[in-house]
Structure formats: C-alpha cells, structure tokens
Amino acid sequence: MTDRELLELAAKAVGIRITEWGEPDYYSHREGEVAYSGGMEWNPLTDNGDALELAVDLGLDIAMHEEKAGAFLLRGGVEAYEPHNDDPYAATRRAIVRAAAEIGERRE
C-alpha cells in the first residue's frame, strides 16, 4: 500500500475529508507531500503532532520495544508494528498510520 493510500484510509478512520494533495506551505514545518483538509495541512507520517492527534482520536495504545514501535487498539484487534531503523519517531508515526488505515479500511 502506498503512503497516499495509507493516509487516505487513516483520514477516513477519523472523519477527515482530504480535498487535495500538494507540497507544504512555504511557512510550514512539514516535509514531503501533504494532504489538505479545509485548508489545513495533514500528514501524520511526517508530523509528530498529526500522528499524536490520530492516535488519541482513535484511542490507540503506543508501545516501544527494543527494535520496533507499535500502535494498537486493544478492543478491535488492530495492531501495527514498524522496525526502528534508527528513527523511533518515524517508526511510531508509521505504526500509528498503519493501525488507523486498518480501522479506516474496516469502515468501507
């Protein structure tokens, strides 16, 4: 699954309607491609704040292990783990988005 597909499904899980895709605003702290919803930038794969909001909105639990980060929903059987590869923040964000995408996929 591509990053864009993951983000679309994660957005669906929390009721975010993506209106367009593009580059971050000149003054933005974000990197890479971003989704726009109501004029606001959103990309929990690259932004810690977006990822935290996604995890909280979905009631996800976050777990850190020696070699991987995880996000899971205790009720509902959703789990996603990512290897750290020397960047535990990126691994945690990706695990959150993967778990959210699974929830979004179930809502189709």
N, C-alpha and C. Protein backbone atom coordinates (compact mmCIF):
# COMPACT_ATOMS: atom_id res chain seq x y z
N MET A 1 0.85 -1.17 0.00
CA MET A 1 0.00 0.00 0.00
C MET A 1 0.90 1.24 0.00
N THR A 2 0.55 2.22 -0.83
CA THR A 2 1.36 3.44 -0.90
C THR A 2 1.10 4.33 0.32
N ASP A 3 1.99 5.28 0.54
CA ASP A 3 1.80 6.22 1.65
C ASP A 3 0.50 7.00 1.47
N ARG A 4 0.19 7.38 0.24
CA ARG A 4 -1.04 8.14 0.00
C ARG A 4 -2.27 7.30 0.34
N GLU A 5 -2.25 6.03 -0.03
CA GLU A 5 -3.38 5.15 0.30
C GLU A 5 -3.52 4.98 1.81
N LEU A 6 -2.37 4.83 2.50
CA LEU A 6 -2.40 4.74 3.97
C LEU A 6 -3.03 5.99 4.58
N LEU A 7 -2.60 7.15 4.09
CA LEU A 7 -3.12 8.41 4.61
C LEU A 7 -4.61 8.58 4.32
N GLU A 8 -5.04 8.18 3.15
CA GLU A 8 -6.47 8.29 2.80
C GLU A 8 -7.32 7.43 3.73
N LEU A 9 -6.87 6.20 3.99
CA LEU A 9 -7.61 5.32 4.89
C LEU A 9 -7.56 5.80 6.34
N ALA A 10 -6.40 6.32 6.77
CA ALA A 10 -6.28 6.86 8.13
C ALA A 10 -7.19 8.06 8.30
N ALA A 11 -7.26 8.92 7.29
CA ALA A 11 -8.15 10.08 7.34
C ALA A 11 -9.60 9.62 7.46
N LYS A 12 -9.94 8.61 6.72
CA LYS A 12 -11.30 8.08 6.77
C LYS A 12 -11.64 7.58 8.17
N ALA A 13 -10.67 6.98 8.84
CA ALA A 13 -10.89 6.43 10.19
C ALA A 13 -11.31 7.50 11.18
N VAL A 14 -10.87 8.74 10.97
CA VAL A 14 -11.19 9.82 11.92
C VAL A 14 -12.10 10.89 11.31
N GLY A 15 -12.62 10.60 10.13
CA GLY A 15 -13.58 11.52 9.52
C GLY A 15 -12.98 12.76 8.88
N ILE A 16 -11.71 12.68 8.50
CA ILE A 16 -11.08 13.80 7.79
C ILE A 16 -11.34 13.63 6.31
N ARG A 17 -11.82 14.69 5.68
CA ARG A 17 -12.07 14.67 4.24
C ARG A 17 -10.92 15.37 3.54
N ILE A 18 -10.13 14.60 2.81
CA ILE A 18 -8.99 15.16 2.09
C ILE A 18 -9.52 15.82 0.81
N THR A 19 -9.21 17.10 0.65
CA THR A 19 -9.71 17.84 -0.51
C THR A 19 -8.68 17.97 -1.62
N GLU A 20 -7.39 17.90 -1.26
CA GLU A 20 -6.34 17.97 -2.27
C GLU A 20 -5.02 17.49 -1.69
N TRP A 21 -4.06 17.27 -2.57
CA TRP A 21 -2.71 16.86 -2.19
C TRP A 21 -1.73 17.89 -2.73
N GLY A 22 -0.64 18.11 -2.04
CA GLY A 22 0.34 19.05 -2.54
C GLY A 22 1.54 19.17 -1.64
N GLU A 23 2.32 20.19 -1.91
CA GLU A 23 3.51 20.47 -1.13
C GLU A 23 3.12 21.31 0.08
N PRO A 24 3.89 21.24 1.16
CA PRO A 24 3.61 22.08 2.33
C PRO A 24 3.71 23.56 1.98
N ASP A 25 2.99 24.37 2.70
CA ASP A 25 3.06 25.82 2.58
C ASP A 25 4.49 26.28 2.84
N TYR A 26 4.89 27.38 2.27
CA TYR A 26 6.24 27.91 2.42
C TYR A 26 6.63 28.07 3.90
N TYR A 27 5.70 28.46 4.73
CA TYR A 27 5.99 28.70 6.15
C TYR A 27 5.81 27.45 7.01
N SER A 28 5.44 26.35 6.41
CA SER A 28 5.15 25.13 7.15
C SER A 28 6.42 24.47 7.68
N HIS A 29 6.27 23.73 8.77
CA HIS A 29 7.38 22.94 9.31
C HIS A 29 7.34 21.51 8.76
N ARG A 30 6.35 21.20 7.95
CA ARG A 30 6.16 19.84 7.44
C ARG A 30 7.09 19.57 6.25
N GLU A 31 7.29 18.28 5.99
CA GLU A 31 8.13 17.86 4.87
C GLU A 31 7.34 16.93 3.98
N GLY A 32 7.73 16.83 2.71
CA GLY A 32 7.10 15.90 1.79
C GLY A 32 5.70 16.31 1.40
N GLU A 33 5.01 15.40 0.75
CA GLU A 33 3.65 15.66 0.30
C GLU A 33 2.70 15.72 1.50
N VAL A 34 1.74 16.62 1.43
CA VAL A 34 0.75 16.73 2.49
C VAL A 34 -0.65 16.64 1.90
N ALA A 35 -1.57 16.19 2.73
CA ALA A 35 -2.98 16.20 2.38
C ALA A 35 -3.55 17.50 2.92
N TYR A 36 -4.52 18.04 2.23
CA TYR A 36 -5.20 19.25 2.70
C TYR A 36 -6.64 18.92 3.01
N SER A 37 -7.10 19.40 4.14
CA SER A 37 -8.48 19.24 4.56
C SER A 37 -8.93 20.58 5.13
N GLY A 38 -9.88 21.21 4.48
CA GLY A 38 -10.33 22.52 4.94
C GLY A 38 -9.22 23.54 5.00
N GLY A 39 -8.27 23.46 4.07
CA GLY A 39 -7.15 24.40 4.02
C GLY A 39 -6.02 24.08 4.99
N MET A 40 -6.18 23.06 5.81
CA MET A 40 -5.15 22.69 6.79
C MET A 40 -4.30 21.54 6.24
N GLU A 41 -3.00 21.61 6.49
CA GLU A 41 -2.09 20.54 6.09
C GLU A 41 -2.20 19.38 7.07
N TRP A 42 -2.04 18.16 6.54
CA TRP A 42 -2.13 16.97 7.40
C TRP A 42 -1.27 15.87 6.81
N ASN A 43 -0.32 15.38 7.59
CA ASN A 43 0.45 14.21 7.20
C ASN A 43 1.06 13.57 8.46
N PRO A 44 0.33 12.64 9.08
CA PRO A 44 0.84 12.00 10.29
C PRO A 44 2.02 11.07 10.04
N LEU A 45 2.38 10.81 8.80
CA LEU A 45 3.58 10.02 8.53
C LEU A 45 4.85 10.84 8.77
N THR A 46 4.74 12.16 8.66
CA THR A 46 5.92 13.01 8.81
C THR A 46 5.80 14.01 9.95
N ASP A 47 4.62 14.17 10.52
CA ASP A 47 4.41 15.18 11.55
C ASP A 47 4.00 14.52 12.87
N ASN A 48 4.81 14.74 13.91
CA ASN A 48 4.53 14.14 15.22
C ASN A 48 3.18 14.57 15.78
N GLY A 49 2.83 15.84 15.63
CA GLY A 49 1.57 16.33 16.16
C GLY A 49 0.37 15.69 15.49
N ASP A 50 0.42 15.58 14.16
CA ASP A 50 -0.66 14.93 13.43
C ASP A 50 -0.80 13.47 13.85
N ALA A 51 0.33 12.80 14.03
CA ALA A 51 0.31 11.39 14.43
C ALA A 51 -0.27 11.23 15.84
N LEU A 52 0.11 12.11 16.76
CA LEU A 52 -0.41 12.03 18.12
C LEU A 52 -1.92 12.27 18.14
N GLU A 53 -2.39 13.26 17.40
CA GLU A 53 -3.83 13.52 17.33
C GLU A 53 -4.57 12.31 16.78
N LEU A 54 -4.02 11.68 15.76
CA LEU A 54 -4.63 10.50 15.16
C LEU A 54 -4.72 9.37 16.19
N ALA A 55 -3.64 9.14 16.92
CA ALA A 55 -3.62 8.08 17.93
C ALA A 55 -4.64 8.36 19.04
N VAL A 56 -4.71 9.60 19.49
CA VAL A 56 -5.64 9.96 20.56
C VAL A 56 -7.09 9.84 20.07
N ASP A 57 -7.36 10.37 18.88
CA ASP A 57 -8.72 10.31 18.33
C ASP A 57 -9.23 8.88 18.19
N LEU A 58 -8.33 7.95 17.91
CA LEU A 58 -8.72 6.56 17.73
C LEU A 58 -8.56 5.72 18.99
N GLY A 59 -8.00 6.30 20.04
CA GLY A 59 -7.80 5.56 21.27
C GLY A 59 -6.75 4.48 21.14
N LEU A 60 -5.72 4.74 20.33
CA LEU A 60 -4.66 3.75 20.12
C LEU A 60 -3.69 3.74 21.29
N ASP A 61 -3.16 2.59 21.60
CA ASP A 61 -2.09 2.44 22.57
C ASP A 61 -0.78 2.38 21.80
N ILE A 62 0.24 3.01 22.35
CA ILE A 62 1.55 3.03 21.72
C ILE A 62 2.50 2.20 22.57
N ALA A 63 3.29 1.36 21.92
CA ALA A 63 4.25 0.52 22.63
C ALA A 63 5.62 0.65 21.97
N MET A 64 6.65 0.73 22.78
CA MET A 64 8.01 0.77 22.26
C MET A 64 8.73 -0.49 22.71
N HIS A 65 9.37 -1.13 21.76
CA HIS A 65 10.17 -2.31 22.05
C HIS A 65 11.60 -2.02 21.61
N GLU A 66 12.50 -2.90 21.93
CA GLU A 66 13.91 -2.65 21.60
C GLU A 66 14.14 -2.37 20.13
N GLU A 67 13.45 -3.10 19.27
CA GLU A 67 13.73 -2.97 17.84
C GLU A 67 12.55 -2.46 17.02
N LYS A 68 11.40 -2.24 17.66
CA LYS A 68 10.26 -1.79 16.87
C LYS A 68 9.32 -0.94 17.71
N ALA A 69 8.53 -0.16 17.01
CA ALA A 69 7.49 0.66 17.64
C ALA A 69 6.16 0.10 17.22
N GLY A 70 5.17 0.26 18.06
CA GLY A 70 3.88 -0.29 17.71
C GLY A 70 2.73 0.61 18.08
N ALA A 71 1.64 0.43 17.39
CA ALA A 71 0.39 1.10 17.72
C ALA A 71 -0.69 0.05 17.63
N PHE A 72 -1.57 0.03 18.61
CA PHE A 72 -2.61 -0.98 18.56
C PHE A 72 -3.85 -0.52 19.30
N LEU A 73 -4.97 -1.10 18.93
CA LEU A 73 -6.24 -0.84 19.58
C LEU A 73 -6.60 -2.11 20.32
N LEU A 74 -6.64 -2.03 21.64
CA LEU A 74 -6.86 -3.23 22.44
C LEU A 74 -8.19 -3.89 22.10
N ARG A 75 -9.24 -3.11 21.99
CA ARG A 75 -10.54 -3.66 21.59
C ARG A 75 -10.67 -3.46 20.09
N GLY A 76 -10.74 -4.52 19.36
CA GLY A 76 -10.86 -4.41 17.92
C GLY A 76 -9.78 -5.15 17.16
N GLY A 77 -8.76 -5.59 17.86
CA GLY A 77 -7.75 -6.44 17.24
C GLY A 77 -6.88 -5.77 16.19
N VAL A 78 -6.71 -4.47 16.23
CA VAL A 78 -5.86 -3.77 15.27
C VAL A 78 -4.46 -3.64 15.85
N GLU A 79 -3.45 -4.07 15.09
CA GLU A 79 -2.06 -3.94 15.52
C GLU A 79 -1.20 -3.57 14.34
N ALA A 80 -0.20 -2.74 14.56
CA ALA A 80 0.77 -2.40 13.53
C ALA A 80 2.11 -2.14 14.20
N TYR A 81 3.14 -2.75 13.70
CA TYR A 81 4.49 -2.56 14.24
C TYR A 81 5.43 -2.20 13.11
N GLU A 82 6.41 -1.38 13.42
CA GLU A 82 7.42 -0.95 12.45
C GLU A 82 8.80 -1.05 13.08
N PRO A 83 9.80 -1.54 12.36
CA PRO A 83 11.17 -1.55 12.88
C PRO A 83 11.68 -0.12 13.06
N HIS A 84 12.49 0.12 14.08
CA HIS A 84 13.00 1.46 14.34
C HIS A 84 13.90 1.98 13.23
N ASN A 85 14.82 1.14 12.78
CA ASN A 85 15.82 1.58 11.79
C ASN A 85 16.45 2.91 12.17
N ASP A 86 16.83 3.06 13.42
CA ASP A 86 17.50 4.26 13.96
C ASP A 86 16.62 5.50 13.99
N ASP A 87 15.32 5.38 13.75
CA ASP A 87 14.41 6.52 13.86
C ASP A 87 13.11 6.07 14.52
N PRO A 88 13.10 5.98 15.86
CA PRO A 88 11.90 5.51 16.54
C PRO A 88 10.69 6.42 16.34
N TYR A 89 10.91 7.71 16.09
CA TYR A 89 9.79 8.63 15.86
C TYR A 89 9.09 8.29 14.54
N ALA A 90 9.87 8.10 13.49
CA ALA A 90 9.28 7.75 12.19
C ALA A 90 8.58 6.40 12.27
N ALA A 91 9.18 5.45 12.98
CA ALA A 91 8.56 4.13 13.13
C ALA A 91 7.24 4.22 13.89
N THR A 92 7.20 5.04 14.91
CA THR A 92 5.97 5.20 15.70
C THR A 92 4.89 5.88 14.87
N ARG A 93 5.26 6.92 14.14
CA ARG A 93 4.26 7.59 13.27
C ARG A 93 3.70 6.62 12.25
N ARG A 94 4.57 5.83 11.62
CA ARG A 94 4.10 4.89 10.59
C ARG A 94 3.22 3.81 11.21
N ALA A 95 3.56 3.32 12.39
CA ALA A 95 2.73 2.32 13.06
C ALA A 95 1.35 2.89 13.37
N ILE A 96 1.30 4.13 13.81
CA ILE A 96 0.01 4.78 14.09
C ILE A 96 -0.82 4.88 12.82
N VAL A 97 -0.21 5.33 11.74
CA VAL A 97 -0.94 5.49 10.47
C VAL A 97 -1.39 4.14 9.94
N ARG A 98 -0.55 3.12 10.05
CA ARG A 98 -0.95 1.79 9.58
C ARG A 98 -2.12 1.25 10.37
N ALA A 99 -2.11 1.44 11.70
CA ALA A 99 -3.24 0.99 12.53
C ALA A 99 -4.50 1.77 12.16
N ALA A 100 -4.36 3.08 11.98
CA ALA A 100 -5.51 3.91 11.61
C ALA A 100 -6.04 3.50 10.23
N ALA A 101 -5.15 3.19 9.31
CA ALA A 101 -5.57 2.78 7.97
C ALA A 101 -6.38 1.48 8.04
N GLU A 102 -5.96 0.58 8.89
CA GLU A 102 -6.72 -0.67 9.05
C GLU A 102 -8.12 -0.38 9.59
N ILE A 103 -8.21 0.55 10.52
CA ILE A 103 -9.53 0.93 11.05
C ILE A 103 -10.36 1.57 9.95
N GLY A 104 -9.75 2.46 9.17
CA GLY A 104 -10.45 3.10 8.05
C GLY A 104 -10.91 2.11 7.00
N GLU A 105 -10.08 1.11 6.74
CA GLU A 105 -10.42 0.08 5.76
C GLU A 105 -11.63 -0.73 6.22
N ARG A 106 -11.72 -0.98 7.51
CA ARG A 106 -12.85 -1.74 8.05
C ARG A 106 -14.16 -0.96 7.95
N ARG A 107 -14.06 0.35 7.81
CA ARG A 107 -15.26 1.19 7.74
C ARG A 107 -15.78 1.34 6.33
N GLU A 108 -15.13 0.73 5.36
CA GLU A 108 -15.57 0.85 3.96
C GLU A 108 -16.84 0.04 3.72
